[in-house]
Amino acid sequence: MRPILFCILAVGLSAQDQTELTRALSASRQRIDHIDDQIVKLLNERATLVREVGFVKTRFHAPASAPGREEQVLRRVSGQARAPLTPEAVRKIYQTVLAEMSAMEDREMQSQTK
């Protein structure tokens, strides 16, 4: 009987702890959500500009890929890293951003030439 009672009490304490944890994290999670909203807004703005660049490249028959420019961006943004982010972490994040933006630009440019 005691092990069952102990298990019931442990589950009850766990649920109470979970509620307190949720309350303690609420304000930070709301701030994170707000920052995520800003990041997505800025990514959309960046994508709009990438689209415009793609239009110009199409007009001048230039390729979508610009490895020199990509490396320039990676160096610049990784140089802005501040703890707790490392330059390598920022570089990896931006490599993903640039890959997605380049893929979008390439798709857009392909659709313009058809």
N, C-alpha and C. Protein backbone atom coordinates (compact mmCIF):
# COMPACT_ATOMS: atom_id res chain seq x y z
N MET A 1 0.82 -1.19 0.00
CA MET A 1 0.00 0.00 0.00
C MET A 1 0.87 1.26 0.00
N ARG A 2 1.95 1.24 0.74
CA ARG A 2 2.82 2.42 0.80
C ARG A 2 3.41 2.78 -0.56
N PRO A 3 3.89 1.82 -1.36
CA PRO A 3 4.44 2.19 -2.67
C PRO A 3 3.40 2.87 -3.56
N ILE A 4 2.17 2.42 -3.48
CA ILE A 4 1.11 3.05 -4.28
C ILE A 4 0.87 4.47 -3.81
N LEU A 5 0.80 4.67 -2.51
CA LEU A 5 0.60 6.00 -1.95
C LEU A 5 1.76 6.92 -2.34
N PHE A 6 2.98 6.40 -2.26
CA PHE A 6 4.15 7.18 -2.65
C PHE A 6 4.07 7.60 -4.12
N CYS A 7 3.67 6.67 -4.98
CA CYS A 7 3.54 6.98 -6.41
C CYS A 7 2.48 8.05 -6.64
N ILE A 8 1.36 7.96 -5.95
CA ILE A 8 0.29 8.96 -6.09
C ILE A 8 0.79 10.33 -5.64
N LEU A 9 1.50 10.38 -4.52
CA LEU A 9 2.04 11.65 -4.04
C LEU A 9 3.09 12.20 -5.00
N ALA A 10 3.93 11.35 -5.55
CA ALA A 10 4.97 11.78 -6.49
C ALA A 10 4.34 12.38 -7.74
N VAL A 11 3.29 11.75 -8.25
CA VAL A 11 2.61 12.28 -9.44
C VAL A 11 1.98 13.62 -9.12
N GLY A 12 1.37 13.75 -7.94
CA GLY A 12 0.77 15.01 -7.53
C GLY A 12 1.79 16.11 -7.41
N LEU A 13 2.93 15.82 -6.81
CA LEU A 13 3.98 16.81 -6.68
C LEU A 13 4.53 17.18 -8.05
N SER A 14 4.65 16.20 -8.90
CA SER A 14 5.17 16.45 -10.24
C SER A 14 4.24 17.40 -11.00
N ALA A 15 2.95 17.20 -10.90
CA ALA A 15 2.00 18.08 -11.57
C ALA A 15 2.07 19.49 -11.01
N GLN A 16 2.20 19.60 -9.68
CA GLN A 16 2.32 20.91 -9.05
C GLN A 16 3.61 21.60 -9.50
N ASP A 17 4.70 20.84 -9.50
CA ASP A 17 5.98 21.40 -9.97
C ASP A 17 5.88 21.85 -11.42
N GLN A 18 5.18 21.06 -12.23
CA GLN A 18 5.02 21.40 -13.65
C GLN A 18 4.26 22.72 -13.79
N THR A 19 3.22 22.91 -13.00
CA THR A 19 2.45 24.16 -13.04
C THR A 19 3.33 25.34 -12.64
N GLU A 20 4.10 25.17 -11.57
CA GLU A 20 4.99 26.24 -11.13
C GLU A 20 6.06 26.54 -12.17
N LEU A 21 6.58 25.49 -12.80
CA LEU A 21 7.58 25.66 -13.86
C LEU A 21 6.98 26.45 -15.02
N THR A 22 5.78 26.08 -15.42
CA THR A 22 5.11 26.78 -16.52
C THR A 22 4.93 28.26 -16.19
N ARG A 23 4.50 28.55 -14.97
CA ARG A 23 4.34 29.94 -14.55
C ARG A 23 5.67 30.68 -14.55
N ALA A 24 6.72 30.02 -14.06
CA ALA A 24 8.03 30.66 -13.97
C ALA A 24 8.61 30.95 -15.35
N LEU A 25 8.28 30.13 -16.33
CA LEU A 25 8.81 30.30 -17.68
C LEU A 25 7.93 31.18 -18.57
N SER A 26 6.74 31.47 -18.15
CA SER A 26 5.76 32.16 -18.98
C SER A 26 6.27 33.47 -19.57
N ALA A 27 6.81 34.35 -18.76
CA ALA A 27 7.26 35.66 -19.25
C ALA A 27 8.40 35.50 -20.25
N SER A 28 9.34 34.61 -19.96
CA SER A 28 10.46 34.40 -20.88
C SER A 28 9.97 33.81 -22.20
N ARG A 29 9.04 32.87 -22.12
CA ARG A 29 8.50 32.27 -23.35
C ARG A 29 7.75 33.30 -24.18
N GLN A 30 7.03 34.20 -23.52
CA GLN A 30 6.33 35.26 -24.26
C GLN A 30 7.33 36.17 -24.98
N ARG A 31 8.43 36.50 -24.32
CA ARG A 31 9.48 37.32 -24.95
C ARG A 31 10.11 36.58 -26.13
N ILE A 32 10.36 35.29 -25.94
CA ILE A 32 10.92 34.48 -27.03
C ILE A 32 9.95 34.47 -28.22
N ASP A 33 8.66 34.28 -27.95
CA ASP A 33 7.66 34.29 -29.02
C ASP A 33 7.68 35.63 -29.76
N HIS A 34 7.77 36.72 -29.01
CA HIS A 34 7.82 38.05 -29.62
C HIS A 34 9.06 38.20 -30.51
N ILE A 35 10.20 37.74 -30.01
CA ILE A 35 11.44 37.80 -30.80
C ILE A 35 11.31 36.94 -32.04
N ASP A 36 10.73 35.73 -31.90
CA ASP A 36 10.51 34.86 -33.06
C ASP A 36 9.64 35.55 -34.11
N ASP A 37 8.60 36.25 -33.65
CA ASP A 37 7.74 37.00 -34.58
C ASP A 37 8.55 38.04 -35.34
N GLN A 38 9.44 38.74 -34.63
CA GLN A 38 10.29 39.75 -35.28
C GLN A 38 11.25 39.10 -36.27
N ILE A 39 11.83 37.96 -35.90
CA ILE A 39 12.75 37.27 -36.80
C ILE A 39 12.04 36.86 -38.08
N VAL A 40 10.85 36.30 -37.96
CA VAL A 40 10.10 35.89 -39.16
C VAL A 40 9.75 37.10 -40.02
N LYS A 41 9.36 38.19 -39.39
CA LYS A 41 9.06 39.42 -40.13
C LYS A 41 10.30 39.87 -40.91
N LEU A 42 11.45 39.87 -40.26
CA LEU A 42 12.70 40.29 -40.92
C LEU A 42 13.12 39.31 -42.01
N LEU A 43 12.89 38.02 -41.79
CA LEU A 43 13.20 37.03 -42.84
C LEU A 43 12.32 37.27 -44.06
N ASN A 44 11.06 37.61 -43.83
CA ASN A 44 10.17 37.92 -44.96
C ASN A 44 10.64 39.18 -45.69
N GLU A 45 11.08 40.18 -44.95
CA GLU A 45 11.61 41.38 -45.59
C GLU A 45 12.86 41.04 -46.41
N ARG A 46 13.71 40.19 -45.85
CA ARG A 46 14.93 39.78 -46.55
C ARG A 46 14.56 39.02 -47.83
N ALA A 47 13.57 38.14 -47.72
CA ALA A 47 13.14 37.36 -48.89
C ALA A 47 12.58 38.27 -49.99
N THR A 48 11.88 39.31 -49.61
CA THR A 48 11.37 40.26 -50.60
C THR A 48 12.52 40.93 -51.35
N LEU A 49 13.56 41.31 -50.61
CA LEU A 49 14.73 41.92 -51.25
C LEU A 49 15.49 40.91 -52.12
N VAL A 50 15.58 39.68 -51.65
CA VAL A 50 16.22 38.63 -52.45
C VAL A 50 15.45 38.44 -53.75
N ARG A 51 14.14 38.48 -53.68
CA ARG A 51 13.31 38.37 -54.89
C ARG A 51 13.63 39.50 -55.86
N GLU A 52 13.75 40.72 -55.33
CA GLU A 52 14.08 41.87 -56.18
C GLU A 52 15.45 41.68 -56.83
N VAL A 53 16.41 41.17 -56.06
CA VAL A 53 17.75 40.89 -56.60
C VAL A 53 17.63 39.86 -57.72
N GLY A 54 16.79 38.87 -57.52
CA GLY A 54 16.57 37.85 -58.55
C GLY A 54 16.01 38.44 -59.83
N PHE A 55 15.12 39.41 -59.72
CA PHE A 55 14.58 40.08 -60.91
C PHE A 55 15.70 40.76 -61.68
N VAL A 56 16.57 41.45 -60.95
CA VAL A 56 17.69 42.14 -61.59
C VAL A 56 18.63 41.12 -62.25
N LYS A 57 18.94 40.06 -61.53
CA LYS A 57 19.82 39.03 -62.09
C LYS A 57 19.22 38.43 -63.36
N THR A 58 17.91 38.18 -63.35
CA THR A 58 17.25 37.62 -64.54
C THR A 58 17.39 38.58 -65.71
N ARG A 59 17.17 39.85 -65.44
CA ARG A 59 17.26 40.86 -66.51
C ARG A 59 18.66 40.90 -67.12
N PHE A 60 19.68 40.66 -66.30
CA PHE A 60 21.06 40.70 -66.78
C PHE A 60 21.63 39.30 -67.06
N HIS A 61 20.76 38.30 -67.02
CA HIS A 61 21.16 36.91 -67.30
C HIS A 61 22.30 36.45 -66.38
N ALA A 62 22.24 36.86 -65.13
CA ALA A 62 23.25 36.46 -64.14
C ALA A 62 22.73 35.24 -63.37
N PRO A 63 23.62 34.40 -62.87
CA PRO A 63 23.18 33.22 -62.11
C PRO A 63 22.63 33.62 -60.74
N ALA A 64 21.78 32.76 -60.20
CA ALA A 64 21.21 33.02 -58.87
C ALA A 64 22.30 32.95 -57.80
N SER A 65 23.19 31.99 -57.94
CA SER A 65 24.22 31.77 -56.94
C SER A 65 25.31 32.83 -57.02
N ALA A 66 25.73 33.30 -55.86
CA ALA A 66 26.82 34.27 -55.79
C ALA A 66 27.70 33.90 -54.60
N PRO A 67 28.54 32.86 -54.77
CA PRO A 67 29.35 32.36 -53.66
C PRO A 67 30.21 33.43 -52.98
N GLY A 68 30.76 34.36 -53.72
CA GLY A 68 31.56 35.42 -53.12
C GLY A 68 30.73 36.28 -52.20
N ARG A 69 29.53 36.60 -52.62
CA ARG A 69 28.63 37.40 -51.79
C ARG A 69 28.19 36.60 -50.55
N GLU A 70 27.93 35.33 -50.74
CA GLU A 70 27.52 34.50 -49.61
C GLU A 70 28.63 34.47 -48.54
N GLU A 71 29.85 34.29 -48.97
CA GLU A 71 30.96 34.25 -48.02
C GLU A 71 31.13 35.60 -47.34
N GLN A 72 30.92 36.67 -48.07
CA GLN A 72 31.01 38.02 -47.50
C GLN A 72 29.97 38.19 -46.39
N VAL A 73 28.74 37.74 -46.65
CA VAL A 73 27.67 37.82 -45.65
C VAL A 73 28.02 36.97 -44.43
N LEU A 74 28.50 35.75 -44.67
CA LEU A 74 28.84 34.86 -43.56
C LEU A 74 29.94 35.44 -42.68
N ARG A 75 30.94 36.04 -43.30
CA ARG A 75 32.00 36.66 -42.51
C ARG A 75 31.47 37.83 -41.70
N ARG A 76 30.65 38.65 -42.34
CA ARG A 76 30.12 39.84 -41.67
C ARG A 76 29.24 39.46 -40.48
N VAL A 77 28.31 38.54 -40.68
CA VAL A 77 27.38 38.22 -39.58
C VAL A 77 28.06 37.42 -38.48
N SER A 78 28.98 36.53 -38.83
CA SER A 78 29.66 35.76 -37.78
C SER A 78 30.56 36.68 -36.95
N GLY A 79 31.03 37.75 -37.56
CA GLY A 79 31.83 38.73 -36.82
C GLY A 79 31.01 39.54 -35.83
N GLN A 80 29.70 39.48 -35.95
CA GLN A 80 28.82 40.21 -35.02
C GLN A 80 28.35 39.33 -33.86
N ALA A 81 28.78 38.09 -33.83
CA ALA A 81 28.34 37.17 -32.78
C ALA A 81 28.79 37.66 -31.41
N ARG A 82 27.92 37.52 -30.46
CA ARG A 82 28.21 37.87 -29.07
C ARG A 82 27.72 36.72 -28.20
N ALA A 83 28.40 36.48 -27.10
CA ALA A 83 28.01 35.41 -26.17
C ALA A 83 26.55 35.60 -25.77
N PRO A 84 25.84 34.56 -25.71
CA PRO A 84 26.26 33.17 -25.71
C PRO A 84 26.44 32.54 -27.09
N LEU A 85 26.10 33.25 -28.16
CA LEU A 85 26.33 32.69 -29.50
C LEU A 85 27.80 32.82 -29.87
N THR A 86 28.29 31.81 -30.55
CA THR A 86 29.66 31.85 -31.06
C THR A 86 29.62 32.25 -32.53
N PRO A 87 30.73 32.74 -33.06
CA PRO A 87 30.77 33.04 -34.49
C PRO A 87 30.40 31.83 -35.35
N GLU A 88 30.83 30.65 -34.95
CA GLU A 88 30.50 29.43 -35.71
C GLU A 88 29.00 29.15 -35.68
N ALA A 89 28.37 29.37 -34.54
CA ALA A 89 26.92 29.15 -34.44
C ALA A 89 26.16 30.11 -35.36
N VAL A 90 26.55 31.38 -35.34
CA VAL A 90 25.90 32.36 -36.22
C VAL A 90 26.15 32.00 -37.68
N ARG A 91 27.36 31.57 -37.99
CA ARG A 91 27.69 31.16 -39.36
C ARG A 91 26.78 30.01 -39.80
N LYS A 92 26.60 29.01 -38.95
CA LYS A 92 25.74 27.87 -39.30
C LYS A 92 24.29 28.30 -39.50
N ILE A 93 23.80 29.15 -38.61
CA ILE A 93 22.43 29.64 -38.76
C ILE A 93 22.28 30.35 -40.10
N TYR A 94 23.23 31.22 -40.41
CA TYR A 94 23.15 31.98 -41.65
C TYR A 94 23.38 31.13 -42.89
N GLN A 95 24.15 30.07 -42.78
CA GLN A 95 24.30 29.17 -43.92
C GLN A 95 22.94 28.59 -44.29
N THR A 96 22.15 28.25 -43.29
CA THR A 96 20.81 27.74 -43.54
C THR A 96 19.92 28.82 -44.14
N VAL A 97 19.97 30.02 -43.57
CA VAL A 97 19.18 31.13 -44.10
C VAL A 97 19.55 31.39 -45.56
N LEU A 98 20.85 31.47 -45.84
CA LEU A 98 21.29 31.76 -47.21
C LEU A 98 20.91 30.64 -48.17
N ALA A 99 21.00 29.39 -47.72
CA ALA A 99 20.63 28.27 -48.59
C ALA A 99 19.15 28.35 -48.95
N GLU A 100 18.31 28.64 -47.98
CA GLU A 100 16.87 28.74 -48.25
C GLU A 100 16.56 29.95 -49.13
N MET A 101 17.22 31.06 -48.88
CA MET A 101 16.99 32.25 -49.69
C MET A 101 17.47 32.03 -51.13
N SER A 102 18.60 31.37 -51.28
CA SER A 102 19.12 31.09 -52.62
C SER A 102 18.20 30.14 -53.38
N ALA A 103 17.68 29.14 -52.68
CA ALA A 103 16.75 28.20 -53.32
C ALA A 103 15.49 28.93 -53.77
N MET A 104 15.00 29.82 -52.92
CA MET A 104 13.81 30.61 -53.28
C MET A 104 14.11 31.49 -54.48
N GLU A 105 15.27 32.15 -54.45
CA GLU A 105 15.65 33.04 -55.55
C GLU A 105 15.77 32.25 -56.85
N ASP A 106 16.37 31.08 -56.77
CA ASP A 106 16.52 30.24 -57.96
C ASP A 106 15.16 29.83 -58.51
N ARG A 107 14.25 29.41 -57.64
CA ARG A 107 12.89 29.04 -58.09
C ARG A 107 12.21 30.22 -58.75
N GLU A 108 12.32 31.38 -58.13
CA GLU A 108 11.67 32.59 -58.68
C GLU A 108 12.27 32.93 -60.05
N MET A 109 13.60 32.83 -60.15
CA MET A 109 14.25 33.17 -61.42
C MET A 109 13.86 32.17 -62.51
N GLN A 110 13.75 30.90 -62.14
CA GLN A 110 13.32 29.88 -63.10
C GLN A 110 11.91 30.15 -63.60
N SER A 111 11.04 30.57 -62.69
CA SER A 111 9.65 30.84 -63.09
C SER A 111 9.56 32.08 -63.98
N GLN A 112 10.49 33.01 -63.84
CA GLN A 112 10.49 34.24 -64.66
C GLN A 112 10.91 33.95 -66.10
N THR A 113 11.76 32.94 -66.27
CA THR A 113 12.29 32.66 -67.61
C THR A 113 11.38 31.74 -68.40
N LYS A 114 10.31 31.25 -67.79
CA LYS A 114 9.40 30.33 -68.50
C LYS A 114 8.24 31.07 -69.10
